[in-house]
Amino acid sequence: MVFKRKIDPVRETLAAIYKINQGISKIEYLLDKLNSRRDKLIEYAISLENRGERFLAKKYVEEAKRIEEFYNGLSDLKLVLLKISMGLERALVTHNFRKLAEELIILFGNIKKLPEFAIPEVGNIIMDVESSIAKLRDF
């Protein structure tokens, strides 16, 4: 006879919060890399402009704009993860895990449609957190 281990919602919530915090730190690392890359591109574009190579300078500025848009998307995702973390912390206090988990599963379905989800690190973060929250839905 096989016994199924009972899921402890508090433990699963704490695990989800931990995974979210890990994900936020990884996203902050990516944001720092993007910011430094954007600054280098702009600096290089300025030096090209000073040498009279306007076409190349324009291309570097366009690439810096793309990086800026990507940066904004990742920072929005970071804010969403912070809000999810706060919601899970509130669920620890109110013990209303199922309703929050159902709402978050729908939210993660929408997050998967974002272009930032294509980044392997971000995709792994979202999938880890979603699996932890799916366990809460069963409680």
C-alpha atoms as a PDB file:
ATOM      1  CA  MET A   1       0.000   0.000   0.000  1.00  0.00           C
ATOM      2  CA  VAL A   2       1.418   3.350  -1.041  1.00  0.00           C
ATOM      3  CA  PHE A   3       0.735   6.355   1.103  1.00  0.00           C
ATOM      4  CA  LYS A   4       0.528   9.747  -0.490  1.00  0.00           C
ATOM      5  CA  ARG A   5       2.358  12.396   1.439  1.00  0.00           C
ATOM      6  CA  LYS A   6       0.076  15.201   2.531  1.00  0.00           C
ATOM      7  CA  ILE A   7       1.010  18.575   1.124  1.00  0.00           C
ATOM      8  CA  ASP A   8       1.754  21.216   3.714  1.00  0.00           C
ATOM      9  CA  PRO A   9       0.563  24.526   2.220  1.00  0.00           C
ATOM     10  CA  VAL A  10       2.729  26.639   4.505  1.00  0.00           C
ATOM     11  CA  ARG A  11       5.847  24.755   3.477  1.00  0.00           C
ATOM     12  CA  GLU A  12       4.946  24.985  -0.221  1.00  0.00           C
ATOM     13  CA  THR A  13       4.216  28.708   0.122  1.00  0.00           C
ATOM     14  CA  LEU A  14       7.569  29.311   1.768  1.00  0.00           C
ATOM     15  CA  ALA A  15       9.263  27.326  -1.000  1.00  0.00           C
ATOM     16  CA  ALA A  16       7.470  29.423  -3.635  1.00  0.00           C
ATOM     17  CA  ILE A  17       8.501  32.658  -1.908  1.00  0.00           C
ATOM     18  CA  TYR A  18      12.098  31.431  -1.798  1.00  0.00           C
ATOM     19  CA  LYS A  19      12.031  30.574  -5.510  1.00  0.00           C
ATOM     20  CA  ILE A  20      10.541  33.974  -6.306  1.00  0.00           C
ATOM     21  CA  ASN A  21      13.268  35.738  -4.344  1.00  0.00           C
ATOM     22  CA  GLN A  22      15.909  33.708  -6.175  1.00  0.00           C
ATOM     23  CA  GLY A  23      14.262  34.645  -9.446  1.00  0.00           C
ATOM     24  CA  ILE A  24      14.205  38.314  -8.547  1.00  0.00           C
ATOM     25  CA  SER A  25      17.928  38.258  -7.803  1.00  0.00           C
ATOM     26  CA  LYS A  26      18.606  36.568 -11.170  1.00  0.00           C
ATOM     27  CA  ILE A  27      16.481  39.165 -12.944  1.00  0.00           C
ATOM     28  CA  GLU A  28      18.373  41.948 -11.146  1.00  0.00           C
ATOM     29  CA  TYR A  29      21.617  40.415 -12.405  1.00  0.00           C
ATOM     30  CA  LEU A  30      20.253  40.376 -15.962  1.00  0.00           C
ATOM     31  CA  LEU A  31      19.092  43.976 -15.577  1.00  0.00           C
ATOM     32  CA  ASP A  32      22.573  45.042 -14.498  1.00  0.00           C
ATOM     33  CA  LYS A  33      24.109  43.295 -17.505  1.00  0.00           C
ATOM     34  CA  LEU A  34      21.620  44.918 -19.877  1.00  0.00           C
ATOM     35  CA  ASN A  35      22.193  48.339 -18.350  1.00  0.00           C
ATOM     36  CA  SER A  36      25.973  48.113 -18.682  1.00  0.00           C
ATOM     37  CA  ARG A  37      25.659  46.834 -22.263  1.00  0.00           C
ATOM     38  CA  ARG A  38      23.332  49.697 -23.168  1.00  0.00           C
ATOM     39  CA  ASP A  39      25.717  52.244 -21.653  1.00  0.00           C
ATOM     40  CA  LYS A  40      28.641  50.798 -23.629  1.00  0.00           C
ATOM     41  CA  LEU A  41      26.654  50.913 -26.863  1.00  0.00           C
ATOM     42  CA  ILE A  42      25.673  54.533 -26.320  1.00  0.00           C
ATOM     43  CA  GLU A  43      29.251  55.448 -25.446  1.00  0.00           C
ATOM     44  CA  TYR A  44      30.504  53.728 -28.593  1.00  0.00           C
ATOM     45  CA  ALA A  45      27.803  55.441 -30.683  1.00  0.00           C
ATOM     46  CA  ILE A  46      28.940  58.820 -29.382  1.00  0.00           C
ATOM     47  CA  SER A  47      32.539  58.075 -30.305  1.00  0.00           C
ATOM     48  CA  LEU A  48      31.426  56.978 -33.797  1.00  0.00           C
ATOM     49  CA  GLU A  49      29.384  60.158 -34.152  1.00  0.00           C
ATOM     50  CA  ASN A  50      32.417  62.234 -33.209  1.00  0.00           C
ATOM     51  CA  ARG A  51      34.451  60.465 -35.913  1.00  0.00           C
ATOM     52  CA  GLY A  52      31.757  61.233 -38.475  1.00  0.00           C
ATOM     53  CA  GLU A  53      30.366  57.722 -38.922  1.00  0.00           C
ATOM     54  CA  ARG A  54      26.711  58.590 -38.529  1.00  0.00           C
ATOM     55  CA  PHE A  55      25.291  55.431 -40.094  1.00  0.00           C
ATOM     56  CA  LEU A  56      27.044  53.109 -37.626  1.00  0.00           C
ATOM     57  CA  ALA A  57      26.260  55.447 -34.751  1.00  0.00           C
ATOM     58  CA  LYS A  58      22.585  55.316 -35.689  1.00  0.00           C
ATOM     59  CA  LYS A  59      22.657  51.493 -35.712  1.00  0.00           C
ATOM     60  CA  TYR A  60      24.248  51.408 -32.250  1.00  0.00           C
ATOM     61  CA  VAL A  61      21.627  53.808 -30.916  1.00  0.00           C
ATOM     62  CA  GLU A  62      18.851  51.617 -32.358  1.00  0.00           C
ATOM     63  CA  GLU A  63      20.354  48.581 -30.637  1.00  0.00           C
ATOM     64  CA  ALA A  64      20.554  50.544 -27.385  1.00  0.00           C
ATOM     65  CA  LYS A  65      16.831  51.353 -27.766  1.00  0.00           C
ATOM     66  CA  ARG A  66      16.008  47.662 -28.201  1.00  0.00           C
ATOM     67  CA  ILE A  67      17.991  46.854 -25.085  1.00  0.00           C
ATOM     68  CA  GLU A  68      16.141  49.637 -23.244  1.00  0.00           C
ATOM     69  CA  GLU A  69      12.762  48.129 -24.213  1.00  0.00           C
ATOM     70  CA  PHE A  70      13.917  44.701 -23.086  1.00  0.00           C
ATOM     71  CA  TYR A  71      15.199  46.233 -19.843  1.00  0.00           C
ATOM     72  CA  ASN A  72      11.791  47.795 -19.212  1.00  0.00           C
ATOM     73  CA  GLY A  73      10.045  44.465 -19.818  1.00  0.00           C
ATOM     74  CA  LEU A  74      12.320  42.652 -17.378  1.00  0.00           C
ATOM     75  CA  SER A  75      11.883  45.329 -14.724  1.00  0.00           C
ATOM     76  CA  ASP A  76       8.098  45.028 -15.123  1.00  0.00           C
ATOM     77  CA  LEU A  77       8.418  41.268 -14.681  1.00  0.00           C
ATOM     78  CA  LYS A  78      10.479  41.864 -11.553  1.00  0.00           C
ATOM     79  CA  LEU A  79       7.700  44.043 -10.134  1.00  0.00           C
ATOM     80  CA  VAL A  80       5.123  41.354 -10.928  1.00  0.00           C
ATOM     81  CA  LEU A  81       7.230  38.778  -9.080  1.00  0.00           C
ATOM     82  CA  LEU A  82       7.483  41.132  -6.096  1.00  0.00           C
ATOM     83  CA  LYS A  83       3.698  41.491  -6.042  1.00  0.00           C
ATOM     84  CA  ILE A  84       3.281  37.716  -6.244  1.00  0.00           C
ATOM     85  CA  SER A  85       5.693  37.333  -3.338  1.00  0.00           C
ATOM     86  CA  MET A  86       3.695  39.812  -1.275  1.00  0.00           C
ATOM     87  CA  GLY A  87       0.479  37.976  -2.141  1.00  0.00           C
ATOM     88  CA  LEU A  88       1.975  34.680  -1.013  1.00  0.00           C
ATOM     89  CA  GLU A  89       3.152  36.268   2.232  1.00  0.00           C
ATOM     90  CA  ARG A  90      -0.390  37.510   2.802  1.00  0.00           C
ATOM     91  CA  ALA A  91      -1.716  34.017   2.070  1.00  0.00           C
ATOM     92  CA  LEU A  92       0.534  32.708   4.842  1.00  0.00           C
ATOM     93  CA  VAL A  93      -1.297  34.962   7.272  1.00  0.00           C
ATOM     94  CA  THR A  94      -4.850  34.445   5.995  1.00  0.00           C
ATOM     95  CA  HIS A  95      -4.464  30.744   5.044  1.00  0.00           C
ATOM     96  CA  ASN A  96      -6.320  31.352   1.778  1.00  0.00           C
ATOM     97  CA  PHE A  97      -3.995  29.359  -0.462  1.00  0.00           C
ATOM     98  CA  ARG A  98      -6.339  27.813  -3.009  1.00  0.00           C
ATOM     99  CA  LYS A  99      -7.942  31.034  -4.287  1.00  0.00           C
ATOM    100  CA  LEU A 100      -4.590  32.796  -4.631  1.00  0.00           C
ATOM    101  CA  ALA A 101      -3.041  29.789  -6.362  1.00  0.00           C
ATOM    102  CA  GLU A 102      -5.852  29.663  -8.928  1.00  0.00           C
ATOM    103  CA  GLU A 103      -5.419  33.376  -9.690  1.00  0.00           C
ATOM    104  CA  LEU A 104      -1.653  33.011  -9.972  1.00  0.00           C
ATOM    105  CA  ILE A 105      -1.898  30.050 -12.356  1.00  0.00           C
ATOM    106  CA  ILE A 106      -3.954  32.251 -14.699  1.00  0.00           C
ATOM    107  CA  LEU A 107      -1.386  35.040 -14.302  1.00  0.00           C
ATOM    108  CA  PHE A 108       1.483  32.694 -15.152  1.00  0.00           C
ATOM    109  CA  GLY A 109      -0.391  31.635 -18.270  1.00  0.00           C
ATOM    110  CA  ASN A 110      -0.297  35.280 -19.362  1.00  0.00           C
ATOM    111  CA  ILE A 111       3.348  35.719 -18.351  1.00  0.00           C
ATOM    112  CA  LYS A 112       4.317  32.799 -20.589  1.00  0.00           C
ATOM    113  CA  LYS A 113       3.109  34.814 -23.589  1.00  0.00           C
ATOM    114  CA  LEU A 114       5.603  37.630 -22.932  1.00  0.00           C
ATOM    115  CA  PRO A 115       8.765  37.826 -25.068  1.00  0.00           C
ATOM    116  CA  GLU A 116      10.898  37.858 -21.903  1.00  0.00           C
ATOM    117  CA  PHE A 117       9.780  34.271 -21.240  1.00  0.00           C
ATOM    118  CA  ALA A 118      12.020  33.191 -24.137  1.00  0.00           C
ATOM    119  CA  ILE A 119      15.111  33.897 -21.998  1.00  0.00           C
ATOM    120  CA  PRO A 120      16.112  30.526 -20.534  1.00  0.00           C
ATOM    121  CA  GLU A 121      16.814  31.888 -17.046  1.00  0.00           C
ATOM    122  CA  VAL A 122      13.512  33.751 -16.868  1.00  0.00           C
ATOM    123  CA  GLY A 123      11.633  30.750 -18.256  1.00  0.00           C
ATOM    124  CA  ASN A 124      13.154  28.491 -15.604  1.00  0.00           C
ATOM    125  CA  ILE A 125      12.231  30.958 -12.865  1.00  0.00           C
ATOM    126  CA  ILE A 126       8.624  31.143 -14.004  1.00  0.00           C
ATOM    127  CA  MET A 127       8.298  27.367 -14.402  1.00  0.00           C
ATOM    128  CA  ASP A 128       9.748  26.695 -10.917  1.00  0.00           C
ATOM    129  CA  VAL A 129       7.422  29.173  -9.260  1.00  0.00           C
ATOM    130  CA  GLU A 130       4.436  27.924 -11.234  1.00  0.00           C
ATOM    131  CA  SER A 131       5.079  24.329 -10.166  1.00  0.00           C
ATOM    132  CA  SER A 132       5.221  25.368  -6.508  1.00  0.00           C
ATOM    133  CA  ILE A 133       1.990  27.309  -6.831  1.00  0.00           C
ATOM    134  CA  ALA A 134       0.278  24.426  -8.652  1.00  0.00           C
ATOM    135  CA  LYS A 135       0.907  22.298  -5.568  1.00  0.00           C
ATOM    136  CA  LEU A 136      -0.911  24.922  -3.485  1.00  0.00           C
ATOM    137  CA  ARG A 137      -3.937  24.729  -5.761  1.00  0.00           C
ATOM    138  CA  ASP A 138      -4.395  21.081  -4.806  1.00  0.00           C
ATOM    139  CA  PHE A 139      -4.648  21.935  -1.114  1.00  0.00           C
END
